[in-house]
Amino acid sequence: MPSEIRTISPLTDRLMRLIEGPRCAAGDERAVELALREALSNAVIHGNGMDAHKLVRIRCRCELGKGLSIIVTDSGQGFDPNAVADPLAVERLEADHGRGIHLMKLAMDEVSFERGGTEFICGRG
């Protein structure tokens, strides 16, 4: 998908319909949707700097009885996920951003960042 904010919701809606069909995330669809939206937003805004010429790649694998895995890859410079400020620190509680990674970790069973932070991998189930 191109790195444009307006593409996030239609793509997320489409992917969620595909995920909900075979019930890969039965009962956890809202959590999966939250993690997917956050991952795509981070890739578009932070990873690719909203440069529509840079693509975000999404791979989704759903196996009945085994769960769901999602990989979101951006074309950016990457980042160190360990250097991201703790959104639960007292001085960050009133910040208007900076909770995406924390929310993704709460929503999914497994979360990791690979390829220097340009690839987000998560799993549920």
C-alpha atoms as a PDB file:
ATOM      1  CA  MET A   1       0.000   0.000   0.000  1.00  0.00           C
ATOM      2  CA  PRO A   2       1.208   3.558  -0.554  1.00  0.00           C
ATOM      3  CA  SER A   3       2.231   5.519   2.547  1.00  0.00           C
ATOM      4  CA  GLU A   4      -0.902   7.611   2.801  1.00  0.00           C
ATOM      5  CA  ILE A   5      -3.046   7.897   5.942  1.00  0.00           C
ATOM      6  CA  ARG A   6      -6.229   7.604   3.869  1.00  0.00           C
ATOM      7  CA  THR A   7      -5.292   4.074   2.756  1.00  0.00           C
ATOM      8  CA  ILE A   8      -5.082   2.644   6.292  1.00  0.00           C
ATOM      9  CA  SER A   9      -8.797   2.271   7.094  1.00  0.00           C
ATOM     10  CA  PRO A  10      -9.913   0.733   3.773  1.00  0.00           C
ATOM     11  CA  LEU A  11      -7.045  -1.761   3.846  1.00  0.00           C
ATOM     12  CA  THR A  12      -7.615  -2.630   7.502  1.00  0.00           C
ATOM     13  CA  ASP A  13     -11.326  -3.138   6.860  1.00  0.00           C
ATOM     14  CA  ARG A  14     -10.575  -5.415   3.910  1.00  0.00           C
ATOM     15  CA  LEU A  15      -7.997  -7.462   5.831  1.00  0.00           C
ATOM     16  CA  MET A  16     -10.309  -7.808   8.825  1.00  0.00           C
ATOM     17  CA  ARG A  17     -13.047  -9.236   6.578  1.00  0.00           C
ATOM     18  CA  LEU A  18     -10.537 -11.813   5.333  1.00  0.00           C
ATOM     19  CA  ILE A  19      -9.380 -12.602   8.873  1.00  0.00           C
ATOM     20  CA  GLU A  20     -12.922 -12.855  10.252  1.00  0.00           C
ATOM     21  CA  GLY A  21     -14.071 -15.244   7.503  1.00  0.00           C
ATOM     22  CA  PRO A  22     -12.150 -18.343   8.607  1.00  0.00           C
ATOM     23  CA  ARG A  23     -12.315 -17.185  12.259  1.00  0.00           C
ATOM     24  CA  CYS A  24      -8.533 -17.025  12.656  1.00  0.00           C
ATOM     25  CA  ALA A  25      -8.850 -14.628  15.567  1.00  0.00           C
ATOM     26  CA  ALA A  26     -12.205 -15.821  16.901  1.00  0.00           C
ATOM     27  CA  GLY A  27     -13.227 -13.515  19.724  1.00  0.00           C
ATOM     28  CA  ASP A  28     -10.075 -11.407  19.371  1.00  0.00           C
ATOM     29  CA  GLU A  29     -10.933  -9.486  16.206  1.00  0.00           C
ATOM     30  CA  ARG A  30     -10.967  -6.081  17.927  1.00  0.00           C
ATOM     31  CA  ALA A  31      -7.498  -6.649  19.372  1.00  0.00           C
ATOM     32  CA  VAL A  32      -6.147  -7.755  15.995  1.00  0.00           C
ATOM     33  CA  GLU A  33      -7.721  -4.753  14.290  1.00  0.00           C
ATOM     34  CA  LEU A  34      -6.182  -2.378  16.847  1.00  0.00           C
ATOM     35  CA  ALA A  35      -2.711  -3.873  16.381  1.00  0.00           C
ATOM     36  CA  LEU A  36      -3.046  -3.797  12.586  1.00  0.00           C
ATOM     37  CA  ARG A  37      -4.159  -0.144  12.524  1.00  0.00           C
ATOM     38  CA  GLU A  38      -1.331   0.875  14.855  1.00  0.00           C
ATOM     39  CA  ALA A  39       1.272  -1.049  12.846  1.00  0.00           C
ATOM     40  CA  LEU A  40       0.104   0.479   9.554  1.00  0.00           C
ATOM     41  CA  SER A  41      -0.031   3.985  11.061  1.00  0.00           C
ATOM     42  CA  ASN A  42       3.484   3.643  12.450  1.00  0.00           C
ATOM     43  CA  ALA A  43       4.789   2.350   9.110  1.00  0.00           C
ATOM     44  CA  VAL A  44       3.147   5.176   7.137  1.00  0.00           C
ATOM     45  CA  ILE A  45       3.900   8.052   9.522  1.00  0.00           C
ATOM     46  CA  HIS A  46       7.144   7.145  11.263  1.00  0.00           C
ATOM     47  CA  GLY A  47       8.667   4.573   8.917  1.00  0.00           C
ATOM     48  CA  ASN A  48       7.979   6.100   5.526  1.00  0.00           C
ATOM     49  CA  GLY A  49       7.392   9.705   6.558  1.00  0.00           C
ATOM     50  CA  MET A  50       4.055   9.739   4.658  1.00  0.00           C
ATOM     51  CA  ASP A  51       5.940   9.578   1.361  1.00  0.00           C
ATOM     52  CA  ALA A  52       3.324   8.102  -0.998  1.00  0.00           C
ATOM     53  CA  HIS A  53       6.106   6.794  -3.242  1.00  0.00           C
ATOM     54  CA  LYS A  54       7.305   4.498  -0.459  1.00  0.00           C
ATOM     55  CA  LEU A  55       5.327   1.333   0.056  1.00  0.00           C
ATOM     56  CA  VAL A  56       4.188  -0.500   3.146  1.00  0.00           C
ATOM     57  CA  ARG A  57       4.057  -4.259   2.683  1.00  0.00           C
ATOM     58  CA  ILE A  58       1.607  -6.387   4.630  1.00  0.00           C
ATOM     59  CA  ARG A  59       1.662 -10.157   4.902  1.00  0.00           C
ATOM     60  CA  CYS A  60      -1.034 -11.960   6.782  1.00  0.00           C
ATOM     61  CA  ARG A  61      -1.171 -15.681   7.493  1.00  0.00           C
ATOM     62  CA  CYS A  62      -4.173 -17.399   8.970  1.00  0.00           C
ATOM     63  CA  GLU A  63      -4.147 -21.077   9.834  1.00  0.00           C
ATOM     64  CA  LEU A  64      -7.164 -22.658  11.428  1.00  0.00           C
ATOM     65  CA  GLY A  65      -6.195 -24.001  14.815  1.00  0.00           C
ATOM     66  CA  LYS A  66      -2.775 -22.325  14.687  1.00  0.00           C
ATOM     67  CA  GLY A  67      -3.778 -18.681  14.757  1.00  0.00           C
ATOM     68  CA  LEU A  68      -2.821 -15.572  12.909  1.00  0.00           C
ATOM     69  CA  SER A  69       0.430 -13.815  12.048  1.00  0.00           C
ATOM     70  CA  ILE A  70       0.837 -10.371  10.527  1.00  0.00           C
ATOM     71  CA  ILE A  71       4.008  -8.788   9.165  1.00  0.00           C
ATOM     72  CA  VAL A  72       4.098  -5.077   8.296  1.00  0.00           C
ATOM     73  CA  THR A  73       7.256  -3.797   6.595  1.00  0.00           C
ATOM     74  CA  ASP A  74       8.080  -0.177   5.781  1.00  0.00           C
ATOM     75  CA  SER A  75      10.803   1.348   3.617  1.00  0.00           C
ATOM     76  CA  GLY A  76      12.155   3.665   6.294  1.00  0.00           C
ATOM     77  CA  GLN A  77      15.393   3.877   8.247  1.00  0.00           C
ATOM     78  CA  GLY A  78      14.143   1.776  11.137  1.00  0.00           C
ATOM     79  CA  PHE A  79      14.353   2.448  14.862  1.00  0.00           C
ATOM     80  CA  ASP A  80      15.398   0.868  18.129  1.00  0.00           C
ATOM     81  CA  PRO A  81      12.221  -0.364  19.851  1.00  0.00           C
ATOM     82  CA  ASN A  82      14.102  -0.465  23.163  1.00  0.00           C
ATOM     83  CA  ALA A  83      14.722   3.286  22.909  1.00  0.00           C
ATOM     84  CA  VAL A  84      10.999   4.130  22.736  1.00  0.00           C
ATOM     85  CA  ALA A  85       9.859   5.999  25.848  1.00  0.00           C
ATOM     86  CA  ASP A  86       7.633   4.097  28.284  1.00  0.00           C
ATOM     87  CA  PRO A  87       4.101   5.453  27.724  1.00  0.00           C
ATOM     88  CA  LEU A  88       3.197   4.531  31.316  1.00  0.00           C
ATOM     89  CA  ALA A  89       5.942   6.706  32.830  1.00  0.00           C
ATOM     90  CA  VAL A  90       4.431   9.511  34.900  1.00  0.00           C
ATOM     91  CA  GLU A  91       5.866  12.232  32.652  1.00  0.00           C
ATOM     92  CA  ARG A  92       4.336  10.557  29.536  1.00  0.00           C
ATOM     93  CA  LEU A  93       0.803   9.909  30.836  1.00  0.00           C
ATOM     94  CA  GLU A  94      -0.635  13.092  29.333  1.00  0.00           C
ATOM     95  CA  ALA A  95       1.220  12.832  26.004  1.00  0.00           C
ATOM     96  CA  ASP A  96      -1.036  12.799  22.947  1.00  0.00           C
ATOM     97  CA  HIS A  97       1.034  10.122  21.167  1.00  0.00           C
ATOM     98  CA  GLY A  98       3.545   7.381  21.866  1.00  0.00           C
ATOM     99  CA  ARG A  99       1.292   4.517  22.948  1.00  0.00           C
ATOM    100  CA  GLY A 100       1.092   2.529  19.710  1.00  0.00           C
ATOM    101  CA  ILE A 101       3.766  -0.062  20.432  1.00  0.00           C
ATOM    102  CA  HIS A 102       2.426  -0.553  23.950  1.00  0.00           C
ATOM    103  CA  LEU A 103      -1.100  -1.086  22.585  1.00  0.00           C
ATOM    104  CA  MET A 104       0.153  -3.561  19.985  1.00  0.00           C
ATOM    105  CA  LYS A 105       1.922  -5.562  22.692  1.00  0.00           C
ATOM    106  CA  LEU A 106      -1.252  -5.637  24.784  1.00  0.00           C
ATOM    107  CA  ALA A 107      -3.409  -6.650  21.811  1.00  0.00           C
ATOM    108  CA  MET A 108      -1.289  -9.493  20.441  1.00  0.00           C
ATOM    109  CA  ASP A 109       0.253 -12.611  21.958  1.00  0.00           C
ATOM    110  CA  GLU A 110       3.596 -12.097  20.205  1.00  0.00           C
ATOM    111  CA  VAL A 111       5.192  -8.860  19.006  1.00  0.00           C
ATOM    112  CA  SER A 112       8.670  -8.277  17.617  1.00  0.00           C
ATOM    113  CA  PHE A 113      10.525  -5.774  15.472  1.00  0.00           C
ATOM    114  CA  GLU A 114      13.016  -7.061  12.938  1.00  0.00           C
ATOM    115  CA  ARG A 115      15.262  -5.694  10.188  1.00  0.00           C
ATOM    116  CA  GLY A 116      16.406  -2.755  12.276  1.00  0.00           C
ATOM    117  CA  GLY A 117      12.858  -1.813  13.227  1.00  0.00           C
ATOM    118  CA  THR A 118      11.466  -1.628   9.689  1.00  0.00           C
ATOM    119  CA  GLU A 119       9.493  -4.859  10.124  1.00  0.00           C
ATOM    120  CA  PHE A 120       6.757  -5.441  12.685  1.00  0.00           C
ATOM    121  CA  ILE A 121       5.763  -9.056  13.326  1.00  0.00           C
ATOM    122  CA  CYS A 122       2.857 -10.066  15.509  1.00  0.00           C
ATOM    123  CA  GLY A 123       0.866 -13.165  16.206  1.00  0.00           C
ATOM    124  CA  ARG A 124      -2.327 -14.197  17.936  1.00  0.00           C
ATOM    125  CA  GLY A 125      -3.580 -17.636  18.811  1.00  0.00           C
END
